[in-house]
Amino acid sequence: MTGGGNIKVVVRCRPLNSREIARGATCLIRMEGNQTIITKPPDHKGSRDTED
């Protein structure tokens, strides 16, 4: 790739709603200064997506 162009990515995250908070959801993205920290989601063993 040549040219040296700039790419800017913008993400807007909404706050968790009351249903998400009630079921124990957590926000996976946070900002610290100019850094964006993305947390790996917890492993949900025994979730509803199990096979019979």
PDB file of N, CA and C in Angstrom:
ATOM      1  N   MET A   1       0.852  -1.180   0.000  1.00  0.00           N
ATOM      2  CA  MET A   1       0.000   0.000   0.000  1.00  0.00           C
ATOM      3  C   MET A   1       0.893   1.236   0.000  1.00  0.00           C
ATOM      4  N   THR A   2       0.600   2.165  -0.837  1.00  0.00           N
ATOM      5  CA  THR A   2       1.385   3.390  -0.905  1.00  0.00           C
ATOM      6  C   THR A   2       0.482   4.583  -0.661  1.00  0.00           C
ATOM      7  N   GLY A   3       1.071   5.712  -0.392  1.00  0.00           N
ATOM      8  CA  GLY A   3       0.285   6.928  -0.275  1.00  0.00           C
ATOM      9  C   GLY A   3       0.307   7.544   1.110  1.00  0.00           C
ATOM     10  N   GLY A   4       0.431   6.746   2.160  1.00  0.00           N
ATOM     11  CA  GLY A   4       0.527   7.297   3.508  1.00  0.00           C
ATOM     12  C   GLY A   4      -0.719   8.001   3.997  1.00  0.00           C
ATOM     13  N   GLY A   5      -1.913   7.541   3.627  1.00  0.00           N
ATOM     14  CA  GLY A   5      -3.148   8.154   4.115  1.00  0.00           C
ATOM     15  C   GLY A   5      -3.416   7.804   5.568  1.00  0.00           C
ATOM     16  N   ASN A   6      -4.293   8.560   6.175  1.00  0.00           N
ATOM     17  CA  ASN A   6      -4.663   8.322   7.569  1.00  0.00           C
ATOM     18  C   ASN A   6      -6.045   7.694   7.646  1.00  0.00           C
ATOM     19  N   ILE A   7      -6.205   6.776   8.567  1.00  0.00           N
ATOM     20  CA  ILE A   7      -7.501   6.148   8.818  1.00  0.00           C
ATOM     21  C   ILE A   7      -7.867   6.444  10.258  1.00  0.00           C
ATOM     22  N   LYS A   8      -9.078   6.924  10.475  1.00  0.00           N
ATOM     23  CA  LYS A   8      -9.553   7.199  11.820  1.00  0.00           C
ATOM     24  C   LYS A   8     -10.788   6.345  12.071  1.00  0.00           C
ATOM     25  N   VAL A   9     -10.800   5.618  13.167  1.00  0.00           N
ATOM     26  CA  VAL A   9     -11.935   4.777  13.538  1.00  0.00           C
ATOM     27  C   VAL A   9     -12.591   5.404  14.757  1.00  0.00           C
ATOM     28  N   VAL A  10     -13.906   5.572  14.700  1.00  0.00           N
ATOM     29  CA  VAL A  10     -14.651   6.169  15.801  1.00  0.00           C
ATOM     30  C   VAL A  10     -15.700   5.179  16.269  1.00  0.00           C
ATOM     31  N   VAL A  11     -15.763   4.971  17.582  1.00  0.00           N
ATOM     32  CA  VAL A  11     -16.749   4.059  18.168  1.00  0.00           C
ATOM     33  C   VAL A  11     -17.473   4.806  19.273  1.00  0.00           C
ATOM     34  N   ARG A  12     -18.783   4.694  19.290  1.00  0.00           N
ATOM     35  CA  ARG A  12     -19.570   5.301  20.358  1.00  0.00           C
ATOM     36  C   ARG A  12     -20.251   4.183  21.129  1.00  0.00           C
ATOM     37  N   CYS A  13     -20.013   4.123  22.424  1.00  0.00           N
ATOM     38  CA  CYS A  13     -20.593   3.077  23.273  1.00  0.00           C
ATOM     39  C   CYS A  13     -21.655   3.691  24.169  1.00  0.00           C
ATOM     40  N   ARG A  14     -22.801   3.077  24.201  1.00  0.00           N
ATOM     41  CA  ARG A  14     -23.870   3.568  25.065  1.00  0.00           C
ATOM     42  C   ARG A  14     -23.732   2.938  26.445  1.00  0.00           C
ATOM     43  N   PRO A  15     -24.291   3.571  27.473  1.00  0.00           N
ATOM     44  CA  PRO A  15     -24.276   2.957  28.809  1.00  0.00           C
ATOM     45  C   PRO A  15     -25.150   1.704  28.828  1.00  0.00           C
ATOM     46  N   LEU A  16     -24.870   0.795  29.756  1.00  0.00           N
ATOM     47  CA  LEU A  16     -25.706  -0.392  29.900  1.00  0.00           C
ATOM     48  C   LEU A  16     -27.101   0.032  30.358  1.00  0.00           C
ATOM     49  N   ASN A  17     -28.129  -0.647  29.831  1.00  0.00           N
ATOM     50  CA  ASN A  17     -29.484  -0.343  30.284  1.00  0.00           C
ATOM     51  C   ASN A  17     -29.811  -1.174  31.520  1.00  0.00           C
ATOM     52  N   SER A  18     -30.964  -0.931  32.130  1.00  0.00           N
ATOM     53  CA  SER A  18     -31.308  -1.589  33.398  1.00  0.00           C
ATOM     54  C   SER A  18     -31.419  -3.103  33.266  1.00  0.00           C
ATOM     55  N   ARG A  19     -31.896  -3.600  32.138  1.00  0.00           N
ATOM     56  CA  ARG A  19     -31.984  -5.061  31.939  1.00  0.00           C
ATOM     57  C   ARG A  19     -30.600  -5.687  31.872  1.00  0.00           C
ATOM     58  N   GLU A  20     -29.682  -5.026  31.173  1.00  0.00           N
ATOM     59  CA  GLU A  20     -28.313  -5.536  31.072  1.00  0.00           C
ATOM     60  C   GLU A  20     -27.630  -5.547  32.440  1.00  0.00           C
ATOM     61  N   ILE A  21     -27.829  -4.489  33.202  1.00  0.00           N
ATOM     62  CA  ILE A  21     -27.251  -4.419  34.543  1.00  0.00           C
ATOM     63  C   ILE A  21     -27.842  -5.509  35.433  1.00  0.00           C
ATOM     64  N   ALA A  22     -29.163  -5.720  35.349  1.00  0.00           N
ATOM     65  CA  ALA A  22     -29.839  -6.724  36.178  1.00  0.00           C
ATOM     66  C   ALA A  22     -29.324  -8.135  35.898  1.00  0.00           C
ATOM     67  N   ARG A  23     -28.954  -8.418  34.669  1.00  0.00           N
ATOM     68  CA  ARG A  23     -28.466  -9.765  34.360  1.00  0.00           C
ATOM     69  C   ARG A  23     -26.951  -9.903  34.525  1.00  0.00           C
ATOM     70  N   GLY A  24     -26.316  -8.843  35.029  1.00  0.00           N
ATOM     71  CA  GLY A  24     -24.894  -8.916  35.348  1.00  0.00           C
ATOM     72  C   GLY A  24     -23.959  -8.600  34.202  1.00  0.00           C
ATOM     73  N   ALA A  25     -24.445  -7.950  33.161  1.00  0.00           N
ATOM     74  CA  ALA A  25     -23.590  -7.591  32.027  1.00  0.00           C
ATOM     75  C   ALA A  25     -22.558  -6.550  32.467  1.00  0.00           C
ATOM     76  N   THR A  26     -21.417  -6.558  31.815  1.00  0.00           N
ATOM     77  CA  THR A  26     -20.383  -5.571  32.107  1.00  0.00           C
ATOM     78  C   THR A  26     -19.932  -4.910  30.809  1.00  0.00           C
ATOM     79  N   CYS A  27     -19.478  -3.684  30.930  1.00  0.00           N
ATOM     80  CA  CYS A  27     -18.960  -2.954  29.776  1.00  0.00           C
ATOM     81  C   CYS A  27     -17.562  -3.485  29.461  1.00  0.00           C
ATOM     82  N   LEU A  28     -17.298  -3.776  28.204  1.00  0.00           N
ATOM     83  CA  LEU A  28     -16.017  -4.356  27.804  1.00  0.00           C
ATOM     84  C   LEU A  28     -15.037  -3.330  27.250  1.00  0.00           C
ATOM     85  N   ILE A  29     -15.486  -2.091  27.061  1.00  0.00           N
ATOM     86  CA  ILE A  29     -14.629  -1.060  26.479  1.00  0.00           C
ATOM     87  C   ILE A  29     -14.559   0.117  27.438  1.00  0.00           C
ATOM     88  N   ARG A  30     -13.340   0.597  27.701  1.00  0.00           N
ATOM     89  CA  ARG A  30     -13.190   1.792  28.522  1.00  0.00           C
ATOM     90  C   ARG A  30     -12.048   2.635  27.968  1.00  0.00           C
ATOM     91  N   MET A  31     -12.084   3.905  28.283  1.00  0.00           N
ATOM     92  CA  MET A  31     -11.064   4.841  27.830  1.00  0.00           C
ATOM     93  C   MET A  31     -10.214   5.266  29.013  1.00  0.00           C
ATOM     94  N   GLU A  32      -8.902   5.328  28.797  1.00  0.00           N
ATOM     95  CA  GLU A  32      -7.964   5.875  29.768  1.00  0.00           C
ATOM     96  C   GLU A  32      -7.057   6.831  29.012  1.00  0.00           C
ATOM     97  N   GLY A  33      -7.341   8.109  29.138  1.00  0.00           N
ATOM     98  CA  GLY A  33      -6.594   9.108  28.378  1.00  0.00           C
ATOM     99  C   GLY A  33      -6.816   8.904  26.891  1.00  0.00           C
ATOM    100  N   ASN A  34      -5.743   8.742  26.138  1.00  0.00           N
ATOM    101  CA  ASN A  34      -5.840   8.510  24.696  1.00  0.00           C
ATOM    102  C   ASN A  34      -5.872   7.035  24.338  1.00  0.00           C
ATOM    103  N   GLN A  35      -5.944   6.164  25.339  1.00  0.00           N
ATOM    104  CA  GLN A  35      -5.943   4.724  25.087  1.00  0.00           C
ATOM    105  C   GLN A  35      -7.347   4.151  25.222  1.00  0.00           C
ATOM    106  N   THR A  36      -7.647   3.178  24.387  1.00  0.00           N
ATOM    107  CA  THR A  36      -8.885   2.413  24.475  1.00  0.00           C
ATOM    108  C   THR A  36      -8.534   1.026  24.975  1.00  0.00           C
ATOM    109  N   ILE A  37      -9.199   0.600  26.042  1.00  0.00           N
ATOM    110  CA  ILE A  37      -8.933  -0.718  26.616  1.00  0.00           C
ATOM    111  C   ILE A  37     -10.146  -1.598  26.371  1.00  0.00           C
ATOM    112  N   ILE A  38      -9.920  -2.724  25.698  1.00  0.00           N
ATOM    113  CA  ILE A  38     -10.980  -3.683  25.391  1.00  0.00           C
ATOM    114  C   ILE A  38     -10.730  -4.918  26.240  1.00  0.00           C
ATOM    115  N   THR A  39     -11.707  -5.251  27.077  1.00  0.00           N
ATOM    116  CA  THR A  39     -11.601  -6.393  27.978  1.00  0.00           C
ATOM    117  C   THR A  39     -12.211  -7.620  27.319  1.00  0.00           C
ATOM    118  N   LYS A  40     -11.541  -8.757  27.455  1.00  0.00           N
ATOM    119  CA  LYS A  40     -12.072 -10.006  26.917  1.00  0.00           C
ATOM    120  C   LYS A  40     -13.338 -10.381  27.692  1.00  0.00           C
ATOM    121  N   PRO A  41     -14.413 -10.773  26.994  1.00  0.00           N
ATOM    122  CA  PRO A  41     -15.642 -11.165  27.697  1.00  0.00           C
ATOM    123  C   PRO A  41     -15.398 -12.394  28.565  1.00  0.00           C
ATOM    124  N   PRO A  42     -16.108 -12.479  29.696  1.00  0.00           N
ATOM    125  CA  PRO A  42     -15.949 -13.666  30.542  1.00  0.00           C
ATOM    126  C   PRO A  42     -16.461 -14.911  29.832  1.00  0.00           C
ATOM    127  N   ASP A  43     -15.904 -16.054  30.195  1.00  0.00           N
ATOM    128  CA  ASP A  43     -16.336 -17.327  29.623  1.00  0.00           C
ATOM    129  C   ASP A  43     -17.617 -17.750  30.330  1.00  0.00           C
ATOM    130  N   HIS A  44     -18.701 -17.876  29.576  1.00  0.00           N
ATOM    131  CA  HIS A  44     -20.000 -18.228  30.158  1.00  0.00           C
ATOM    132  C   HIS A  44     -20.271 -19.706  29.958  1.00  0.00           C
ATOM    133  N   LYS A  45     -19.701 -20.530  30.795  1.00  0.00           N
ATOM    134  CA  LYS A  45     -19.976 -21.971  30.712  1.00  0.00           C
ATOM    135  C   LYS A  45     -21.389 -22.223  31.221  1.00  0.00           C
ATOM    136  N   GLY A  46     -22.077 -23.146  30.568  1.00  0.00           N
ATOM    137  CA  GLY A  46     -23.441 -23.455  30.976  1.00  0.00           C
ATOM    138  C   GLY A  46     -24.451 -22.433  30.497  1.00  0.00           C
ATOM    139  N   SER A  47     -24.130 -21.715  29.436  1.00  0.00           N
ATOM    140  CA  SER A  47     -25.078 -20.737  28.908  1.00  0.00           C
ATOM    141  C   SER A  47     -26.215 -21.439  28.184  1.00  0.00           C
ATOM    142  N   ARG A  48     -27.167 -20.670  27.728  1.00  0.00           N
ATOM    143  CA  ARG A  48     -28.345 -21.230  27.068  1.00  0.00           C
ATOM    144  C   ARG A  48     -28.051 -21.847  25.709  1.00  0.00           C
ATOM    145  N   ASP A  49     -26.888 -21.651  25.162  1.00  0.00           N
ATOM    146  CA  ASP A  49     -26.562 -22.151  23.826  1.00  0.00           C
ATOM    147  C   ASP A  49     -25.995 -23.568  23.855  1.00  0.00           C
ATOM    148  N   THR A  50     -26.436 -24.378  24.769  1.00  0.00           N
ATOM    149  CA  THR A  50     -25.933 -25.748  24.844  1.00  0.00           C
ATOM    150  C   THR A  50     -26.728 -26.651  23.920  1.00  0.00           C
ATOM    151  N   GLU A  51     -26.077 -27.707  23.459  1.00  0.00           N
ATOM    152  CA  GLU A  51     -26.741 -28.660  22.568  1.00  0.00           C
ATOM    153  C   GLU A  51     -27.364 -29.781  23.381  1.00  0.00           C
ATOM    154  N   ASP A  52     -28.453 -30.346  22.869  1.00  0.00           N
ATOM    155  CA  ASP A  52     -29.121 -31.475  23.538  1.00  0.00           C
ATOM    156  C   ASP A  52     -28.410 -32.761  23.243  1.00  0.00           C
TER     157      ASP A  52
END
